[in-house]
Every structure is written in structure tokens, then in C-alpha cells.
Amino acid sequence: MISFSILLLASHNRGKIKELRMLIPSSVQIQCAADFSDEEPAEIGCTFRENAAIKARFWQQKTGLPCL
């Protein structure tokens, strides 16, 4: 089982943290990309799923944190 104490939401929409909080244990701190920078990767994917993966990879590489 993988364990972590911080999860980075690869979005600048802080409202999504409230939605994610219902799914993630309270022991995990959730941060959003806006906590780190206003920077955004280019969303060049053809689907929402591809663009979400682009954002998650971008922020994981930038911060070293697990990203969703």
C-alpha cells in the first residue's frame, strides 16, 4: 500500500479541494496548484483525461508531490 501525507490537486480551482476532501482520508493534507504558482501547463490533449494527466505530470515534476 502506498502512503502519503500530502496530495497535490493539479488545479487552480480551490473549490475542487472541497469535493476531493469527501473522497480522501482526513489524515491526508490536500493542496492545490495555486499554493505553488500561477503557472499552468499547455493543455494540448484531445480529452479531459489527457489534459488532467498533463497537469498531474507537470505538477508532480515541479513539486515532487503525488498529484491528482
PDB file of N, CA and C in Angstrom:
ATOM      1  N   MET A   1       0.832  -1.181   0.000  1.00  0.00           N
ATOM      2  CA  MET A   1       0.000   0.000   0.000  1.00  0.00           C
ATOM      3  C   MET A   1       0.876   1.244   0.000  1.00  0.00           C
ATOM      4  N   ILE A   2       0.568   2.196  -0.865  1.00  0.00           N
ATOM      5  CA  ILE A   2       1.298   3.453  -0.928  1.00  0.00           C
ATOM      6  C   ILE A   2       0.709   4.408   0.101  1.00  0.00           C
ATOM      7  N   SER A   3       1.584   5.086   0.817  1.00  0.00           N
ATOM      8  CA  SER A   3       1.141   6.010   1.847  1.00  0.00           C
ATOM      9  C   SER A   3       1.770   7.383   1.607  1.00  0.00           C
ATOM     10  N   PHE A   4       0.987   8.415   1.788  1.00  0.00           N
ATOM     11  CA  PHE A   4       1.493   9.775   1.666  1.00  0.00           C
ATOM     12  C   PHE A   4       0.677  10.686   2.576  1.00  0.00           C
ATOM     13  N   SER A   5       1.274  11.815   2.952  1.00  0.00           N
ATOM     14  CA  SER A   5       0.580  12.728   3.859  1.00  0.00           C
ATOM     15  C   SER A   5       0.091  13.992   3.151  1.00  0.00           C
ATOM     16  N   ILE A   6       0.616  14.256   1.941  1.00  0.00           N
ATOM     17  CA  ILE A   6       0.195  15.421   1.172  1.00  0.00           C
ATOM     18  C   ILE A   6      -0.167  14.957  -0.231  1.00  0.00           C
ATOM     19  N   LEU A   7      -1.270  15.454  -0.743  1.00  0.00           N
ATOM     20  CA  LEU A   7      -1.704  15.195  -2.113  1.00  0.00           C
ATOM     21  C   LEU A   7      -1.905  16.538  -2.793  1.00  0.00           C
ATOM     22  N   LEU A   8      -1.320  16.703  -3.956  1.00  0.00           N
ATOM     23  CA  LEU A   8      -1.457  17.950  -4.696  1.00  0.00           C
ATOM     24  C   LEU A   8      -2.528  17.798  -5.761  1.00  0.00           C
ATOM     25  N   LEU A   9      -3.520  18.648  -5.707  1.00  0.00           N
ATOM     26  CA  LEU A   9      -4.558  18.690  -6.720  1.00  0.00           C
ATOM     27  C   LEU A   9      -4.037  19.581  -7.839  1.00  0.00           C
ATOM     28  N   ALA A  10      -3.852  19.008  -9.020  1.00  0.00           N
ATOM     29  CA  ALA A  10      -3.233  19.726 -10.144  1.00  0.00           C
ATOM     30  C   ALA A  10      -4.245  20.653 -10.814  1.00  0.00           C
ATOM     31  N   SER A  11      -4.770  21.578 -10.020  1.00  0.00           N
ATOM     32  CA  SER A  11      -5.767  22.535 -10.491  1.00  0.00           C
ATOM     33  C   SER A  11      -5.606  23.811  -9.683  1.00  0.00           C
ATOM     34  N   HIS A  12      -6.002  24.914 -10.271  1.00  0.00           N
ATOM     35  CA  HIS A  12      -6.005  26.181  -9.537  1.00  0.00           C
ATOM     36  C   HIS A  12      -7.381  26.473  -8.926  1.00  0.00           C
ATOM     37  N   ASN A  13      -8.308  25.560  -9.119  1.00  0.00           N
ATOM     38  CA  ASN A  13      -9.670  25.716  -8.603  1.00  0.00           C
ATOM     39  C   ASN A  13      -9.733  25.179  -7.176  1.00  0.00           C
ATOM     40  N   ARG A  14      -9.664  26.075  -6.204  1.00  0.00           N
ATOM     41  CA  ARG A  14      -9.669  25.663  -4.789  1.00  0.00           C
ATOM     42  C   ARG A  14     -10.983  24.994  -4.388  1.00  0.00           C
ATOM     43  N   GLY A  15     -12.065  25.271  -5.106  1.00  0.00           N
ATOM     44  CA  GLY A  15     -13.344  24.636  -4.814  1.00  0.00           C
ATOM     45  C   GLY A  15     -13.311  23.132  -5.005  1.00  0.00           C
ATOM     46  N   LYS A  16     -12.426  22.669  -5.861  1.00  0.00           N
ATOM     47  CA  LYS A  16     -12.323  21.228  -6.090  1.00  0.00           C
ATOM     48  C   LYS A  16     -11.744  20.500  -4.885  1.00  0.00           C
ATOM     49  N   ILE A  17     -11.033  21.218  -4.033  1.00  0.00           N
ATOM     50  CA  ILE A  17     -10.495  20.597  -2.822  1.00  0.00           C
ATOM     51  C   ILE A  17     -11.648  20.119  -1.942  1.00  0.00           C
ATOM     52  N   LYS A  18     -12.717  20.904  -1.854  1.00  0.00           N
ATOM     53  CA  LYS A  18     -13.876  20.501  -1.041  1.00  0.00           C
ATOM     54  C   LYS A  18     -14.481  19.205  -1.564  1.00  0.00           C
ATOM     55  N   GLU A  19     -14.559  19.084  -2.892  1.00  0.00           N
ATOM     56  CA  GLU A  19     -15.102  17.862  -3.482  1.00  0.00           C
ATOM     57  C   GLU A  19     -14.179  16.676  -3.214  1.00  0.00           C
ATOM     58  N   LEU A  20     -12.877  16.878  -3.365  1.00  0.00           N
ATOM     59  CA  LEU A  20     -11.909  15.811  -3.160  1.00  0.00           C
ATOM     60  C   LEU A  20     -11.841  15.393  -1.693  1.00  0.00           C
ATOM     61  N   ARG A  21     -12.057  16.340  -0.793  1.00  0.00           N
ATOM     62  CA  ARG A  21     -11.994  16.052   0.652  1.00  0.00           C
ATOM     63  C   ARG A  21     -12.973  14.953   1.041  1.00  0.00           C
ATOM     64  N   MET A  22     -14.095  14.830   0.321  1.00  0.00           N
ATOM     65  CA  MET A  22     -15.086  13.797   0.630  1.00  0.00           C
ATOM     66  C   MET A  22     -14.583  12.398   0.268  1.00  0.00           C
ATOM     67  N   LEU A  23     -13.541  12.318  -0.551  1.00  0.00           N
ATOM     68  CA  LEU A  23     -13.043  11.029  -1.034  1.00  0.00           C
ATOM     69  C   LEU A  23     -11.711  10.609  -0.424  1.00  0.00           C
ATOM     70  N   ILE A  24     -10.984  11.559   0.138  1.00  0.00           N
ATOM     71  CA  ILE A  24      -9.630  11.315   0.638  1.00  0.00           C
ATOM     72  C   ILE A  24      -9.651  11.348   2.170  1.00  0.00           C
ATOM     73  N   PRO A  25      -8.953  10.419   2.817  1.00  0.00           N
ATOM     74  CA  PRO A  25      -8.923  10.415   4.287  1.00  0.00           C
ATOM     75  C   PRO A  25      -8.464  11.758   4.859  1.00  0.00           C
ATOM     76  N   SER A  26      -9.015  12.121   5.987  1.00  0.00           N
ATOM     77  CA  SER A  26      -8.697  13.414   6.603  1.00  0.00           C
ATOM     78  C   SER A  26      -7.237  13.505   7.045  1.00  0.00           C
ATOM     79  N   SER A  27      -6.546  12.387   7.144  1.00  0.00           N
ATOM     80  CA  SER A  27      -5.135  12.404   7.525  1.00  0.00           C
ATOM     81  C   SER A  27      -4.237  12.916   6.392  1.00  0.00           C
ATOM     82  N   VAL A  28      -4.788  13.009   5.180  1.00  0.00           N
ATOM     83  CA  VAL A  28      -4.025  13.479   4.028  1.00  0.00           C
ATOM     84  C   VAL A  28      -4.311  14.969   3.824  1.00  0.00           C
ATOM     85  N   GLN A  29      -3.246  15.767   3.791  1.00  0.00           N
ATOM     86  CA  GLN A  29      -3.373  17.199   3.523  1.00  0.00           C
ATOM     87  C   GLN A  29      -3.498  17.380   2.011  1.00  0.00           C
ATOM     88  N   ILE A  30      -4.491  18.138   1.570  1.00  0.00           N
ATOM     89  CA  ILE A  30      -4.681  18.389   0.146  1.00  0.00           C
ATOM     90  C   ILE A  30      -4.297  19.834  -0.149  1.00  0.00           C
ATOM     91  N   GLN A  31      -3.405  20.001  -1.111  1.00  0.00           N
ATOM     92  CA  GLN A  31      -3.025  21.334  -1.564  1.00  0.00           C
ATOM     93  C   GLN A  31      -3.398  21.451  -3.034  1.00  0.00           C
ATOM     94  N   CYS A  32      -3.539  22.684  -3.505  1.00  0.00           N
ATOM     95  CA  CYS A  32      -3.826  22.860  -4.921  1.00  0.00           C
ATOM     96  C   CYS A  32      -2.659  23.587  -5.584  1.00  0.00           C
ATOM     97  N   ALA A  33      -2.612  23.504  -6.882  1.00  0.00           N
ATOM     98  CA  ALA A  33      -1.512  24.093  -7.647  1.00  0.00           C
ATOM     99  C   ALA A  33      -1.350  25.583  -7.358  1.00  0.00           C
ATOM    100  N   ALA A  34      -2.437  26.260  -7.062  1.00  0.00           N
ATOM    101  CA  ALA A  34      -2.380  27.696  -6.780  1.00  0.00           C
ATOM    102  C   ALA A  34      -1.538  28.004  -5.540  1.00  0.00           C
ATOM    103  N   ASP A  35      -1.332  27.010  -4.670  1.00  0.00           N
ATOM    104  CA  ASP A  35      -0.489  27.204  -3.491  1.00  0.00           C
ATOM    105  C   ASP A  35       0.984  27.346  -3.875  1.00  0.00           C
ATOM    106  N   PHE A  36       1.326  26.953  -5.103  1.00  0.00           N
ATOM    107  CA  PHE A  36       2.717  26.939  -5.539  1.00  0.00           C
ATOM    108  C   PHE A  36       3.026  27.994  -6.595  1.00  0.00           C
ATOM    109  N   SER A  37       2.111  28.193  -7.543  1.00  0.00           N
ATOM    110  CA  SER A  37       2.393  29.093  -8.658  1.00  0.00           C
ATOM    111  C   SER A  37       1.125  29.319  -9.475  1.00  0.00           C
ATOM    112  N   ASP A  38       1.132  30.395 -10.243  1.00  0.00           N
ATOM    113  CA  ASP A  38       0.042  30.649 -11.186  1.00  0.00           C
ATOM    114  C   ASP A  38       0.295  29.952 -12.517  1.00  0.00           C
ATOM    115  N   GLU A  39       1.441  29.336 -12.639  1.00  0.00           N
ATOM    116  CA  GLU A  39       1.836  28.671 -13.879  1.00  0.00           C
ATOM    117  C   GLU A  39       0.888  27.520 -14.221  1.00  0.00           C
ATOM    118  N   GLU A  40       0.642  27.325 -15.494  1.00  0.00           N
ATOM    119  CA  GLU A  40      -0.200  26.233 -15.990  1.00  0.00           C
ATOM    120  C   GLU A  40       0.492  25.582 -17.186  1.00  0.00           C
ATOM    121  N   PRO A  41       0.452  24.273 -17.285  1.00  0.00           N
ATOM    122  CA  PRO A  41       0.986  23.645 -18.493  1.00  0.00           C
ATOM    123  C   PRO A  41       0.005  23.828 -19.649  1.00  0.00           C
ATOM    124  N   ALA A  42       0.509  23.745 -20.866  1.00  0.00           N
ATOM    125  CA  ALA A  42      -0.365  23.815 -22.035  1.00  0.00           C
ATOM    126  C   ALA A  42      -1.243  22.571 -22.078  1.00  0.00           C
ATOM    127  N   GLU A  43      -2.536  22.767 -22.194  1.00  0.00           N
ATOM    128  CA  GLU A  43      -3.476  21.642 -22.280  1.00  0.00           C
ATOM    129  C   GLU A  43      -3.615  21.256 -23.753  1.00  0.00           C
ATOM    130  N   ILE A  44      -2.736  20.382 -24.190  1.00  0.00           N
ATOM    131  CA  ILE A  44      -2.685  20.012 -25.605  1.00  0.00           C
ATOM    132  C   ILE A  44      -3.297  18.640 -25.872  1.00  0.00           C
ATOM    133  N   GLY A  45      -3.873  18.043 -24.860  1.00  0.00           N
ATOM    134  CA  GLY A  45      -4.524  16.748 -25.025  1.00  0.00           C
ATOM    135  C   GLY A  45      -5.827  16.889 -25.801  1.00  0.00           C
ATOM    136  N   CYS A  46      -6.335  15.773 -26.263  1.00  0.00           N
ATOM    137  CA  CYS A  46      -7.593  15.763 -27.028  1.00  0.00           C
ATOM    138  C   CYS A  46      -8.808  15.524 -26.138  1.00  0.00           C
ATOM    139  N   THR A  47      -8.581  15.111 -24.888  1.00  0.00           N
ATOM    140  CA  THR A  47      -9.684  14.811 -23.976  1.00  0.00           C
ATOM    141  C   THR A  47      -9.412  15.428 -22.606  1.00  0.00           C
ATOM    142  N   PHE A  48     -10.457  15.504 -21.774  1.00  0.00           N
ATOM    143  CA  PHE A  48     -10.269  15.972 -20.397  1.00  0.00           C
ATOM    144  C   PHE A  48      -9.280  15.070 -19.669  1.00  0.00           C
ATOM    145  N   ARG A  49      -9.364  13.778 -19.900  1.00  0.00           N
ATOM    146  CA  ARG A  49      -8.476  12.814 -19.241  1.00  0.00           C
ATOM    147  C   ARG A  49      -7.015  13.089 -19.600  1.00  0.00           C
ATOM    148  N   GLU A  50      -6.741  13.309 -20.893  1.00  0.00           N
ATOM    149  CA  GLU A  50      -5.366  13.584 -21.316  1.00  0.00           C
ATOM    150  C   GLU A  50      -4.860  14.889 -20.701  1.00  0.00           C
ATOM    151  N   ASN A  51      -5.696  15.911 -20.684  1.00  0.00           N
ATOM    152  CA  ASN A  51      -5.280  17.184 -20.091  1.00  0.00           C
ATOM    153  C   ASN A  51      -5.072  17.070 -18.589  1.00  0.00           C
ATOM    154  N   ALA A  52      -5.879  16.276 -17.913  1.00  0.00           N
ATOM    155  CA  ALA A  52      -5.690  16.044 -16.477  1.00  0.00           C
ATOM    156  C   ALA A  52      -4.359  15.349 -16.224  1.00  0.00           C
ATOM    157  N   ALA A  53      -4.014  14.399 -17.072  1.00  0.00           N
ATOM    158  CA  ALA A  53      -2.726  13.693 -16.931  1.00  0.00           C
ATOM    159  C   ALA A  53      -1.559  14.646 -17.182  1.00  0.00           C
ATOM    160  N   ILE A  54      -1.705  15.526 -18.158  1.00  0.00           N
ATOM    161  CA  ILE A  54      -0.659  16.524 -18.441  1.00  0.00           C
ATOM    162  C   ILE A  54      -0.436  17.398 -17.213  1.00  0.00           C
ATOM    163  N   LYS A  55      -1.517  17.880 -16.616  1.00  0.00           N
ATOM    164  CA  LYS A  55      -1.406  18.731 -15.431  1.00  0.00           C
ATOM    165  C   LYS A  55      -0.780  17.974 -14.258  1.00  0.00           C
ATOM    166  N   ALA A  56      -1.230  16.748 -14.026  1.00  0.00           N
ATOM    167  CA  ALA A  56      -0.704  15.967 -12.897  1.00  0.00           C
ATOM    168  C   ALA A  56       0.788  15.702 -13.072  1.00  0.00           C
ATOM    169  N   ARG A  57       1.214  15.324 -14.272  1.00  0.00           N
ATOM    170  CA  ARG A  57       2.654  15.092 -14.514  1.00  0.00           C
ATOM    171  C   ARG A  57       3.462  16.374 -14.337  1.00  0.00           C
ATOM    172  N   PHE A  58       2.941  17.475 -14.869  1.00  0.00           N
ATOM    173  CA  PHE A  58       3.615  18.770 -14.767  1.00  0.00           C
ATOM    174  C   PHE A  58       3.862  19.129 -13.300  1.00  0.00           C
ATOM    175  N   TRP A  59       2.802  19.047 -12.476  1.00  0.00           N
ATOM    176  CA  TRP A  59       2.932  19.447 -11.077  1.00  0.00           C
ATOM    177  C   TRP A  59       3.730  18.443 -10.255  1.00  0.00           C
ATOM    178  N   GLN A  60       3.658  17.168 -10.605  1.00  0.00           N
ATOM    179  CA  GLN A  60       4.473  16.174  -9.897  1.00  0.00           C
ATOM    180  C   GLN A  60       5.949  16.447 -10.143  1.00  0.00           C
ATOM    181  N   GLN A  61       6.299  16.742 -11.378  1.00  0.00           N
ATOM    182  CA  GLN A  61       7.699  17.038 -11.698  1.00  0.00           C
ATOM    183  C   GLN A  61       8.151  18.336 -11.047  1.00  0.00           C
ATOM    184  N   LYS A  62       7.264  19.306 -10.962  1.00  0.00           N
ATOM    185  CA  LYS A  62       7.607  20.609 -10.392  1.00  0.00           C
ATOM    186  C   LYS A  62       7.760  20.556  -8.864  1.00  0.00           C
ATOM    187  N   THR A  63       6.924  19.747  -8.200  1.00  0.00           N
ATOM    188  CA  THR A  63       6.908  19.754  -6.729  1.00  0.00           C
ATOM    189  C   THR A  63       7.431  18.483  -6.079  1.00  0.00           C
ATOM    190  N   GLY A  64       7.429  17.372  -6.819  1.00  0.00           N
ATOM    191  CA  GLY A  64       7.818  16.094  -6.238  1.00  0.00           C
ATOM    192  C   GLY A  64       6.715  15.454  -5.411  1.00  0.00           C
ATOM    193  N   LEU A  65       5.541  16.070  -5.374  1.00  0.00           N
ATOM    194  CA  LEU A  65       4.417  15.541  -4.593  1.00  0.00           C
ATOM    195  C   LEU A  65       3.541  14.630  -5.452  1.00  0.00           C
ATOM    196  N   PRO A  66       2.851  13.681  -4.822  1.00  0.00           N
ATOM    197  CA  PRO A  66       1.863  12.901  -5.572  1.00  0.00           C
ATOM    198  C   PRO A  66       0.742  13.845  -6.017  1.00  0.00           C
ATOM    199  N   CYS A  67       0.312  13.685  -7.256  1.00  0.00           N
ATOM    200  CA  CYS A  67      -0.672  14.622  -7.833  1.00  0.00           C
ATOM    201  C   CYS A  67      -1.859  13.899  -8.409  1.00  0.00           C
ATOM    202  N   LEU A  68      -2.961  14.586  -8.369  1.00  0.00           N
ATOM    203  CA  LEU A  68      -4.206  14.088  -8.952  1.00  0.00           C
ATOM    204  C   LEU A  68      -4.801  15.197  -9.790  1.00  0.00           C
TER     205      LEU A  68
END
